[in-house]
Amino acid sequence: MGSNDRNFDAGSCNVSDKVDLGAEKNITCTCQNDTCHVTHIDLEANQFSGQVPPEIEKLVNLRTLRLFYNRLTGDLPVQLAELKNLTDL
């Protein structure tokens, strides 16, 4: 989505935070037992361009992915179907 420096590794959340990043942030992590996972990504109305990267499949705990009001192109990656926890797209 306009940048090549995306990091979709499982360790995308900082374990030392141990708190959700909150509604004012675009990415929310949920932590339990010293393990944190990205659960919500809200990137609406940011004028992002390009395609949604297929590496998003690595965020297996993702529940919400909000991308509307951007300038995204192409098809959504088929890998989104593998995100069994994704309920809000």
N, C-alpha and C. Protein backbone atom coordinates (compact mmCIF):
# COMPACT_ATOMS: atom_id res chain seq x y z
N MET A 1 0.83 -1.18 0.00
CA MET A 1 0.00 0.00 0.00
C MET A 1 0.88 1.24 0.00
N GLY A 2 1.60 1.45 -1.05
CA GLY A 2 2.40 2.64 -1.19
C GLY A 2 3.77 2.59 -0.54
N SER A 3 4.12 1.49 0.12
CA SER A 3 5.41 1.41 0.80
C SER A 3 5.91 -0.02 0.75
N ASN A 4 7.21 -0.17 0.72
CA ASN A 4 7.80 -1.51 0.69
C ASN A 4 8.37 -1.92 2.04
N ASP A 5 8.14 -1.12 3.09
CA ASP A 5 8.73 -1.42 4.38
C ASP A 5 7.72 -2.00 5.37
N ARG A 6 6.72 -2.70 4.87
CA ARG A 6 5.72 -3.32 5.74
C ARG A 6 6.34 -4.50 6.48
N ASN A 7 5.96 -4.67 7.73
CA ASN A 7 6.44 -5.79 8.53
C ASN A 7 5.23 -6.57 9.02
N PHE A 8 5.02 -7.75 8.46
CA PHE A 8 3.89 -8.58 8.83
C PHE A 8 4.33 -9.77 9.67
N ASP A 9 5.46 -9.65 10.34
CA ASP A 9 5.92 -10.72 11.20
C ASP A 9 4.98 -10.88 12.38
N ALA A 10 4.98 -12.06 12.98
CA ALA A 10 4.11 -12.35 14.12
C ALA A 10 4.39 -11.42 15.28
N GLY A 11 5.60 -10.89 15.39
CA GLY A 11 5.95 -10.01 16.49
C GLY A 11 5.67 -8.55 16.22
N SER A 12 4.62 -8.23 15.51
CA SER A 12 4.32 -6.85 15.15
C SER A 12 3.90 -6.00 16.33
N CYS A 13 3.49 -6.60 17.43
CA CYS A 13 3.11 -5.86 18.63
C CYS A 13 4.26 -5.90 19.62
N ASN A 14 4.37 -4.86 20.39
CA ASN A 14 5.41 -4.80 21.39
C ASN A 14 4.89 -5.45 22.68
N VAL A 15 5.46 -6.57 23.06
CA VAL A 15 5.01 -7.31 24.23
C VAL A 15 5.12 -6.48 25.50
N SER A 16 6.08 -5.59 25.57
CA SER A 16 6.26 -4.81 26.78
C SER A 16 5.13 -3.82 27.01
N ASP A 17 4.37 -3.47 25.97
CA ASP A 17 3.25 -2.55 26.13
C ASP A 17 2.12 -3.18 26.94
N LYS A 18 1.76 -4.40 26.60
CA LYS A 18 0.72 -5.17 27.28
C LYS A 18 -0.60 -4.42 27.41
N VAL A 19 -0.87 -3.52 26.48
CA VAL A 19 -2.15 -2.81 26.46
C VAL A 19 -2.57 -2.61 25.01
N ASP A 20 -3.87 -2.47 24.81
CA ASP A 20 -4.35 -2.12 23.48
C ASP A 20 -3.90 -0.71 23.17
N LEU A 21 -3.66 -0.43 21.90
CA LEU A 21 -3.18 0.88 21.52
C LEU A 21 -4.28 1.93 21.53
N GLY A 22 -5.54 1.51 21.58
CA GLY A 22 -6.65 2.44 21.71
C GLY A 22 -7.21 2.93 20.40
N ALA A 23 -8.38 3.55 20.48
CA ALA A 23 -9.11 3.98 19.30
C ALA A 23 -8.39 5.08 18.53
N GLU A 24 -7.53 5.87 19.21
CA GLU A 24 -6.85 6.96 18.52
C GLU A 24 -5.72 6.45 17.63
N LYS A 25 -5.37 5.20 17.75
CA LYS A 25 -4.33 4.60 16.92
C LYS A 25 -4.95 3.79 15.80
N ASN A 26 -4.18 3.50 14.79
CA ASN A 26 -4.67 2.75 13.64
C ASN A 26 -4.53 1.25 13.79
N ILE A 27 -3.67 0.82 14.70
CA ILE A 27 -3.44 -0.61 14.89
C ILE A 27 -3.66 -0.93 16.37
N THR A 28 -4.47 -1.94 16.62
CA THR A 28 -4.74 -2.36 17.99
C THR A 28 -4.17 -3.75 18.20
N CYS A 29 -3.44 -3.90 19.28
CA CYS A 29 -2.89 -5.19 19.66
C CYS A 29 -3.59 -5.67 20.92
N THR A 30 -3.83 -6.95 20.98
CA THR A 30 -4.39 -7.56 22.18
C THR A 30 -3.33 -8.48 22.75
N CYS A 31 -3.08 -8.32 24.03
CA CYS A 31 -2.02 -9.09 24.69
C CYS A 31 -2.61 -9.98 25.78
N GLN A 32 -2.06 -11.18 25.86
CA GLN A 32 -2.46 -12.12 26.89
C GLN A 32 -1.28 -13.05 27.16
N ASN A 33 -0.95 -13.22 28.43
CA ASN A 33 0.15 -14.10 28.83
C ASN A 33 1.45 -13.76 28.11
N ASP A 34 1.83 -12.50 28.09
CA ASP A 34 3.07 -12.02 27.48
C ASP A 34 3.15 -12.25 25.97
N THR A 35 2.02 -12.51 25.34
CA THR A 35 1.98 -12.65 23.89
C THR A 35 0.98 -11.65 23.34
N CYS A 36 1.43 -10.87 22.36
CA CYS A 36 0.58 -9.85 21.76
C CYS A 36 0.36 -10.14 20.28
N HIS A 37 -0.84 -9.81 19.80
CA HIS A 37 -1.19 -10.01 18.40
C HIS A 37 -1.93 -8.79 17.87
N VAL A 38 -1.70 -8.49 16.60
CA VAL A 38 -2.47 -7.45 15.94
C VAL A 38 -3.88 -7.99 15.74
N THR A 39 -4.88 -7.25 16.26
CA THR A 39 -6.26 -7.70 16.13
C THR A 39 -7.11 -6.74 15.31
N HIS A 40 -6.72 -5.48 15.23
CA HIS A 40 -7.52 -4.51 14.49
C HIS A 40 -6.59 -3.56 13.73
N ILE A 41 -6.90 -3.33 12.47
CA ILE A 41 -6.18 -2.36 11.65
C ILE A 41 -7.23 -1.46 11.02
N ASP A 42 -7.14 -0.16 11.30
CA ASP A 42 -8.08 0.81 10.75
C ASP A 42 -7.27 1.85 9.98
N LEU A 43 -7.29 1.73 8.67
CA LEU A 43 -6.53 2.63 7.81
C LEU A 43 -7.45 3.44 6.89
N GLU A 44 -8.69 3.63 7.33
CA GLU A 44 -9.66 4.33 6.50
C GLU A 44 -9.26 5.79 6.29
N ALA A 45 -9.59 6.29 5.11
CA ALA A 45 -9.43 7.70 4.75
C ALA A 45 -8.00 8.20 4.91
N ASN A 46 -7.04 7.42 4.43
CA ASN A 46 -5.64 7.83 4.49
C ASN A 46 -5.05 8.09 3.12
N GLN A 47 -5.85 7.96 2.07
CA GLN A 47 -5.38 8.17 0.70
C GLN A 47 -4.27 7.21 0.30
N PHE A 48 -4.26 6.01 0.91
CA PHE A 48 -3.29 5.00 0.51
C PHE A 48 -3.57 4.55 -0.91
N SER A 49 -2.52 4.21 -1.64
CA SER A 49 -2.68 3.69 -3.00
C SER A 49 -1.93 2.37 -3.11
N GLY A 50 -2.23 1.65 -4.17
CA GLY A 50 -1.58 0.37 -4.38
C GLY A 50 -2.48 -0.78 -4.02
N GLN A 51 -1.89 -1.93 -3.79
CA GLN A 51 -2.65 -3.14 -3.49
C GLN A 51 -2.45 -3.56 -2.04
N VAL A 52 -3.44 -4.31 -1.53
CA VAL A 52 -3.30 -4.91 -0.21
C VAL A 52 -2.32 -6.07 -0.37
N PRO A 53 -1.24 -6.10 0.41
CA PRO A 53 -0.22 -7.14 0.23
C PRO A 53 -0.71 -8.51 0.71
N PRO A 54 -0.35 -9.58 0.00
CA PRO A 54 -0.77 -10.92 0.40
C PRO A 54 -0.18 -11.35 1.75
N GLU A 55 0.89 -10.70 2.19
CA GLU A 55 1.51 -11.04 3.48
C GLU A 55 0.59 -10.77 4.66
N ILE A 56 -0.51 -10.12 4.41
CA ILE A 56 -1.46 -9.85 5.49
C ILE A 56 -1.96 -11.15 6.11
N GLU A 57 -1.82 -12.26 5.39
CA GLU A 57 -2.24 -13.56 5.91
C GLU A 57 -1.47 -13.95 7.17
N LYS A 58 -0.33 -13.34 7.41
CA LYS A 58 0.46 -13.66 8.60
C LYS A 58 -0.17 -13.11 9.88
N LEU A 59 -1.14 -12.22 9.74
CA LEU A 59 -1.82 -11.65 10.90
C LEU A 59 -3.04 -12.52 11.24
N VAL A 60 -2.78 -13.71 11.70
CA VAL A 60 -3.83 -14.72 11.88
C VAL A 60 -4.84 -14.37 12.97
N ASN A 61 -4.54 -13.42 13.83
CA ASN A 61 -5.47 -13.00 14.87
C ASN A 61 -6.24 -11.74 14.51
N LEU A 62 -6.09 -11.30 13.28
CA LEU A 62 -6.75 -10.08 12.84
C LEU A 62 -8.27 -10.26 12.82
N ARG A 63 -8.97 -9.34 13.46
CA ARG A 63 -10.44 -9.38 13.51
C ARG A 63 -11.07 -8.30 12.65
N THR A 64 -10.41 -7.14 12.59
CA THR A 64 -10.95 -5.99 11.87
C THR A 64 -9.91 -5.46 10.91
N LEU A 65 -10.32 -5.23 9.67
CA LEU A 65 -9.46 -4.61 8.66
C LEU A 65 -10.30 -3.59 7.93
N ARG A 66 -10.05 -2.33 8.20
CA ARG A 66 -10.83 -1.24 7.59
C ARG A 66 -9.93 -0.46 6.65
N LEU A 67 -10.30 -0.49 5.38
CA LEU A 67 -9.48 0.11 4.35
C LEU A 67 -10.25 1.10 3.47
N PHE A 68 -11.50 1.38 3.79
CA PHE A 68 -12.31 2.18 2.88
C PHE A 68 -11.84 3.63 2.84
N TYR A 69 -12.26 4.32 1.78
CA TYR A 69 -11.88 5.71 1.49
C TYR A 69 -10.37 5.85 1.29
N ASN A 70 -9.81 4.93 0.54
CA ASN A 70 -8.42 5.01 0.10
C ASN A 70 -8.41 4.87 -1.42
N ARG A 71 -7.26 4.80 -2.00
CA ARG A 71 -7.12 4.68 -3.46
C ARG A 71 -6.48 3.34 -3.81
N LEU A 72 -6.97 2.30 -3.20
CA LEU A 72 -6.41 0.96 -3.43
C LEU A 72 -6.84 0.45 -4.80
N THR A 73 -5.97 -0.34 -5.40
CA THR A 73 -6.24 -0.89 -6.73
C THR A 73 -6.11 -2.40 -6.69
N GLY A 74 -6.61 -3.04 -7.73
CA GLY A 74 -6.46 -4.49 -7.85
C GLY A 74 -7.46 -5.24 -6.98
N ASP A 75 -7.34 -6.54 -7.03
CA ASP A 75 -8.21 -7.42 -6.25
C ASP A 75 -7.67 -7.55 -4.83
N LEU A 76 -8.57 -7.88 -3.92
CA LEU A 76 -8.12 -8.23 -2.57
C LEU A 76 -7.39 -9.55 -2.65
N PRO A 77 -6.33 -9.73 -1.86
CA PRO A 77 -5.59 -11.00 -1.93
C PRO A 77 -6.47 -12.16 -1.44
N VAL A 78 -6.37 -13.28 -2.12
CA VAL A 78 -7.14 -14.46 -1.74
C VAL A 78 -6.75 -14.94 -0.35
N GLN A 79 -5.59 -14.55 0.12
CA GLN A 79 -5.12 -14.94 1.45
C GLN A 79 -6.02 -14.42 2.56
N LEU A 80 -6.82 -13.39 2.29
CA LEU A 80 -7.75 -12.89 3.30
C LEU A 80 -8.72 -13.97 3.74
N ALA A 81 -9.04 -14.89 2.84
CA ALA A 81 -9.96 -15.98 3.17
C ALA A 81 -9.39 -16.90 4.24
N GLU A 82 -8.08 -16.89 4.42
CA GLU A 82 -7.44 -17.74 5.44
C GLU A 82 -7.51 -17.14 6.84
N LEU A 83 -7.91 -15.88 6.94
CA LEU A 83 -7.97 -15.22 8.24
C LEU A 83 -9.30 -15.56 8.91
N LYS A 84 -9.32 -16.64 9.65
CA LYS A 84 -10.55 -17.18 10.23
C LYS A 84 -11.15 -16.28 11.31
N ASN A 85 -10.36 -15.40 11.91
CA ASN A 85 -10.87 -14.50 12.95
C ASN A 85 -11.38 -13.18 12.39
N LEU A 86 -11.17 -12.94 11.10
CA LEU A 86 -11.56 -11.68 10.49
C LEU A 86 -13.09 -11.62 10.35
N THR A 87 -13.70 -10.68 11.06
CA THR A 87 -15.15 -10.54 11.03
C THR A 87 -15.61 -9.20 10.49
N ASP A 88 -14.70 -8.24 10.37
CA ASP A 88 -15.06 -6.89 9.93
C ASP A 88 -14.09 -6.47 8.84
N LEU A 89 -14.57 -6.46 7.61
CA LEU A 89 -13.73 -6.08 6.47
C LEU A 89 -14.44 -4.97 5.72
